[in-house]
Amino acid sequence: MRTFVSGWESVAASPLFGSARILNVEEGDGDVVAIAAVWSAGEGRPGLLEPMGVHQDHRGHGHGTTVTRGAAAALRELGASSAIVCAESANVGAIATYVAAGFSARAEVADWLRED
């Protein structure tokens, strides 16, 4: 576990982290069940919520919606004009979570692929 913590300590110490926040949802026993990161492009500009995840043992209990709403609020506090999320259309759980948190789907965008 130390490697993971050290990695996040490095990210948090970087100059880029000043415009980012990491949020989590804990259950009563202190276990983290959901996590999200937000990245602000600055006052009055859109912010990105990426990544967001819920531990597989805790899905279906609203934790994803809770952390997503908290992430949008954190972006608002950072001065973001809006919040953007990206999810594959095949990821039904992610889409349902983002919609439940108040996001609306836009037209699908094809990924770019570089052939080797």
C-alpha atoms as a PDB file:
ATOM      1  CA  MET A   1       0.000   0.000   0.000  1.00  0.00           C
ATOM      2  CA  ARG A   2       2.913   2.370   0.607  1.00  0.00           C
ATOM      3  CA  THR A   3       3.669   2.618  -3.135  1.00  0.00           C
ATOM      4  CA  PHE A   4       0.131   3.844  -3.820  1.00  0.00           C
ATOM      5  CA  VAL A   5       0.328   6.458  -1.071  1.00  0.00           C
ATOM      6  CA  SER A   6       3.776   7.589  -2.200  1.00  0.00           C
ATOM      7  CA  GLY A   7       2.462   7.987  -5.740  1.00  0.00           C
ATOM      8  CA  TRP A   8      -0.381  10.223  -4.594  1.00  0.00           C
ATOM      9  CA  GLU A   9       1.973  12.196  -2.349  1.00  0.00           C
ATOM     10  CA  SER A  10       4.088  12.907  -5.446  1.00  0.00           C
ATOM     11  CA  VAL A  11       1.041  14.038  -7.403  1.00  0.00           C
ATOM     12  CA  ALA A  12      -0.195  16.186  -4.522  1.00  0.00           C
ATOM     13  CA  ALA A  13       3.216  17.856  -4.255  1.00  0.00           C
ATOM     14  CA  SER A  14       3.292  18.791  -7.941  1.00  0.00           C
ATOM     15  CA  PRO A  15       2.352  22.286  -9.131  1.00  0.00           C
ATOM     16  CA  LEU A  16      -0.516  20.810 -11.175  1.00  0.00           C
ATOM     17  CA  PHE A  17      -2.323  19.587  -8.086  1.00  0.00           C
ATOM     18  CA  GLY A  18      -3.196  23.109  -6.962  1.00  0.00           C
ATOM     19  CA  SER A  19      -6.181  23.002  -9.319  1.00  0.00           C
ATOM     20  CA  ALA A  20      -7.232  19.446  -8.425  1.00  0.00           C
ATOM     21  CA  ARG A  21      -9.067  17.739  -5.591  1.00  0.00           C
ATOM     22  CA  ILE A  22      -9.478  14.092  -4.584  1.00  0.00           C
ATOM     23  CA  LEU A  23     -12.746  13.214  -2.831  1.00  0.00           C
ATOM     24  CA  ASN A  24     -13.899   9.976  -1.267  1.00  0.00           C
ATOM     25  CA  VAL A  25     -16.943   8.461   0.385  1.00  0.00           C
ATOM     26  CA  GLU A  26     -16.387   6.365   3.500  1.00  0.00           C
ATOM     27  CA  GLU A  27     -18.733   3.940   5.185  1.00  0.00           C
ATOM     28  CA  GLY A  28     -19.229   3.941   8.957  1.00  0.00           C
ATOM     29  CA  ASP A  29     -16.170   1.741   9.551  1.00  0.00           C
ATOM     30  CA  GLY A  30     -13.918   4.194   7.675  1.00  0.00           C
ATOM     31  CA  ASP A  31     -13.503   2.081   4.548  1.00  0.00           C
ATOM     32  CA  VAL A  32     -13.344   4.136   1.369  1.00  0.00           C
ATOM     33  CA  VAL A  33     -16.139   2.914  -0.927  1.00  0.00           C
ATOM     34  CA  ALA A  34     -16.023   5.568  -3.681  1.00  0.00           C
ATOM     35  CA  ILE A  35     -13.468   8.054  -4.966  1.00  0.00           C
ATOM     36  CA  ALA A  36     -13.304  10.817  -7.562  1.00  0.00           C
ATOM     37  CA  ALA A  37     -10.772  13.358  -8.768  1.00  0.00           C
ATOM     38  CA  VAL A  38     -11.522  16.779 -10.216  1.00  0.00           C
ATOM     39  CA  TRP A  39      -9.288  19.014 -12.291  1.00  0.00           C
ATOM     40  CA  SER A  40      -9.998  22.715 -12.757  1.00  0.00           C
ATOM     41  CA  ALA A  41      -8.812  24.682 -15.789  1.00  0.00           C
ATOM     42  CA  GLY A  42      -9.210  27.913 -13.805  1.00  0.00           C
ATOM     43  CA  GLU A  43     -11.822  30.465 -12.860  1.00  0.00           C
ATOM     44  CA  GLY A  44     -14.709  30.601 -15.331  1.00  0.00           C
ATOM     45  CA  ARG A  45     -13.521  27.595 -17.345  1.00  0.00           C
ATOM     46  CA  PRO A  46     -14.896  24.036 -17.469  1.00  0.00           C
ATOM     47  CA  GLY A  47     -13.609  21.477 -14.983  1.00  0.00           C
ATOM     48  CA  LEU A  48     -13.128  17.744 -15.469  1.00  0.00           C
ATOM     49  CA  LEU A  49     -14.338  15.000 -13.150  1.00  0.00           C
ATOM     50  CA  GLU A  50     -12.044  12.060 -13.891  1.00  0.00           C
ATOM     51  CA  PRO A  51     -11.656   9.366 -12.675  1.00  0.00           C
ATOM     52  CA  MET A  52     -14.556   8.249 -10.498  1.00  0.00           C
ATOM     53  CA  GLY A  53     -15.049   4.771  -9.166  1.00  0.00           C
ATOM     54  CA  VAL A  54     -16.969   2.737  -6.618  1.00  0.00           C
ATOM     55  CA  HIS A  55     -15.594  -0.416  -5.009  1.00  0.00           C
ATOM     56  CA  GLN A  56     -17.332  -3.421  -6.536  1.00  0.00           C
ATOM     57  CA  ASP A  57     -18.635  -4.604  -3.160  1.00  0.00           C
ATOM     58  CA  HIS A  58     -20.429  -1.293  -2.609  1.00  0.00           C
ATOM     59  CA  ARG A  59     -22.069  -0.594  -5.964  1.00  0.00           C
ATOM     60  CA  GLY A  60     -25.780   0.089  -6.208  1.00  0.00           C
ATOM     61  CA  HIS A  61     -26.009   2.025  -2.925  1.00  0.00           C
ATOM     62  CA  GLY A  62     -25.747   5.585  -4.264  1.00  0.00           C
ATOM     63  CA  HIS A  63     -22.076   6.113  -3.371  1.00  0.00           C
ATOM     64  CA  GLY A  64     -21.154   6.973  -6.974  1.00  0.00           C
ATOM     65  CA  THR A  65     -23.883   9.601  -7.156  1.00  0.00           C
ATOM     66  CA  THR A  66     -22.788  11.031  -3.807  1.00  0.00           C
ATOM     67  CA  VAL A  67     -19.114  11.354  -4.761  1.00  0.00           C
ATOM     68  CA  THR A  68     -20.037  12.731  -8.214  1.00  0.00           C
ATOM     69  CA  ARG A  69     -22.235  15.454  -6.702  1.00  0.00           C
ATOM     70  CA  GLY A  70     -19.471  16.261  -4.225  1.00  0.00           C
ATOM     71  CA  ALA A  71     -16.979  16.460  -7.084  1.00  0.00           C
ATOM     72  CA  ALA A  72     -19.205  18.884  -8.996  1.00  0.00           C
ATOM     73  CA  ALA A  73     -19.478  21.023  -5.837  1.00  0.00           C
ATOM     74  CA  ALA A  74     -15.676  20.993  -5.465  1.00  0.00           C
ATOM     75  CA  LEU A  75     -15.322  22.233  -9.050  1.00  0.00           C
ATOM     76  CA  ARG A  76     -17.807  25.002  -8.288  1.00  0.00           C
ATOM     77  CA  GLU A  77     -15.684  25.993  -5.273  1.00  0.00           C
ATOM     78  CA  LEU A  78     -12.621  26.083  -7.561  1.00  0.00           C
ATOM     79  CA  GLY A  79     -14.482  28.543  -9.819  1.00  0.00           C
ATOM     80  CA  ALA A  80     -15.251  26.178 -12.678  1.00  0.00           C
ATOM     81  CA  SER A  81     -17.977  27.321 -15.074  1.00  0.00           C
ATOM     82  CA  SER A  82     -19.201  23.756 -15.585  1.00  0.00           C
ATOM     83  CA  ALA A  83     -18.276  20.133 -14.973  1.00  0.00           C
ATOM     84  CA  ILE A  84     -17.465  17.601 -17.670  1.00  0.00           C
ATOM     85  CA  VAL A  85     -17.323  13.820 -17.379  1.00  0.00           C
ATOM     86  CA  CYS A  86     -16.331  11.238 -19.970  1.00  0.00           C
ATOM     87  CA  ALA A  87     -17.492   7.648 -19.995  1.00  0.00           C
ATOM     88  CA  GLU A  88     -17.730   4.920 -22.586  1.00  0.00           C
ATOM     89  CA  SER A  89     -21.334   4.495 -23.719  1.00  0.00           C
ATOM     90  CA  ALA A  90     -20.981   0.763 -23.029  1.00  0.00           C
ATOM     91  CA  ASN A  91     -20.309   1.511 -19.346  1.00  0.00           C
ATOM     92  CA  VAL A  92     -23.952   1.447 -18.319  1.00  0.00           C
ATOM     93  CA  GLY A  93     -23.201   1.856 -14.612  1.00  0.00           C
ATOM     94  CA  ALA A  94     -21.123   4.993 -15.150  1.00  0.00           C
ATOM     95  CA  ILE A  95     -23.754   6.537 -17.414  1.00  0.00           C
ATOM     96  CA  ALA A  96     -26.510   5.794 -14.872  1.00  0.00           C
ATOM     97  CA  THR A  97     -24.403   7.288 -12.063  1.00  0.00           C
ATOM     98  CA  TYR A  98     -23.639  10.500 -13.943  1.00  0.00           C
ATOM     99  CA  VAL A  99     -27.284  10.940 -15.003  1.00  0.00           C
ATOM    100  CA  ALA A 100     -28.436  10.320 -11.404  1.00  0.00           C
ATOM    101  CA  ALA A 101     -25.991  13.029 -10.272  1.00  0.00           C
ATOM    102  CA  GLY A 102     -27.543  15.538 -12.689  1.00  0.00           C
ATOM    103  CA  PHE A 103     -25.357  15.255 -15.796  1.00  0.00           C
ATOM    104  CA  SER A 104     -26.893  14.875 -19.233  1.00  0.00           C
ATOM    105  CA  ALA A 105     -25.503  12.839 -22.100  1.00  0.00           C
ATOM    106  CA  ARG A 106     -24.301  14.517 -25.257  1.00  0.00           C
ATOM    107  CA  ALA A 107     -23.728  12.974 -28.654  1.00  0.00           C
ATOM    108  CA  GLU A 108     -21.217  10.145 -28.646  1.00  0.00           C
ATOM    109  CA  VAL A 109     -17.678  10.953 -29.710  1.00  0.00           C
ATOM    110  CA  ALA A 110     -15.577   8.320 -31.426  1.00  0.00           C
ATOM    111  CA  ASP A 111     -12.231   7.540 -29.829  1.00  0.00           C
ATOM    112  CA  TRP A 112      -9.067   8.009 -31.791  1.00  0.00           C
ATOM    113  CA  LEU A 113      -7.069   4.895 -32.440  1.00  0.00           C
ATOM    114  CA  ARG A 114      -3.495   4.721 -33.640  1.00  0.00           C
ATOM    115  CA  GLU A 115      -2.764   1.575 -35.592  1.00  0.00           C
ATOM    116  CA  ASP A 116       0.686   0.086 -35.044  1.00  0.00           C
END
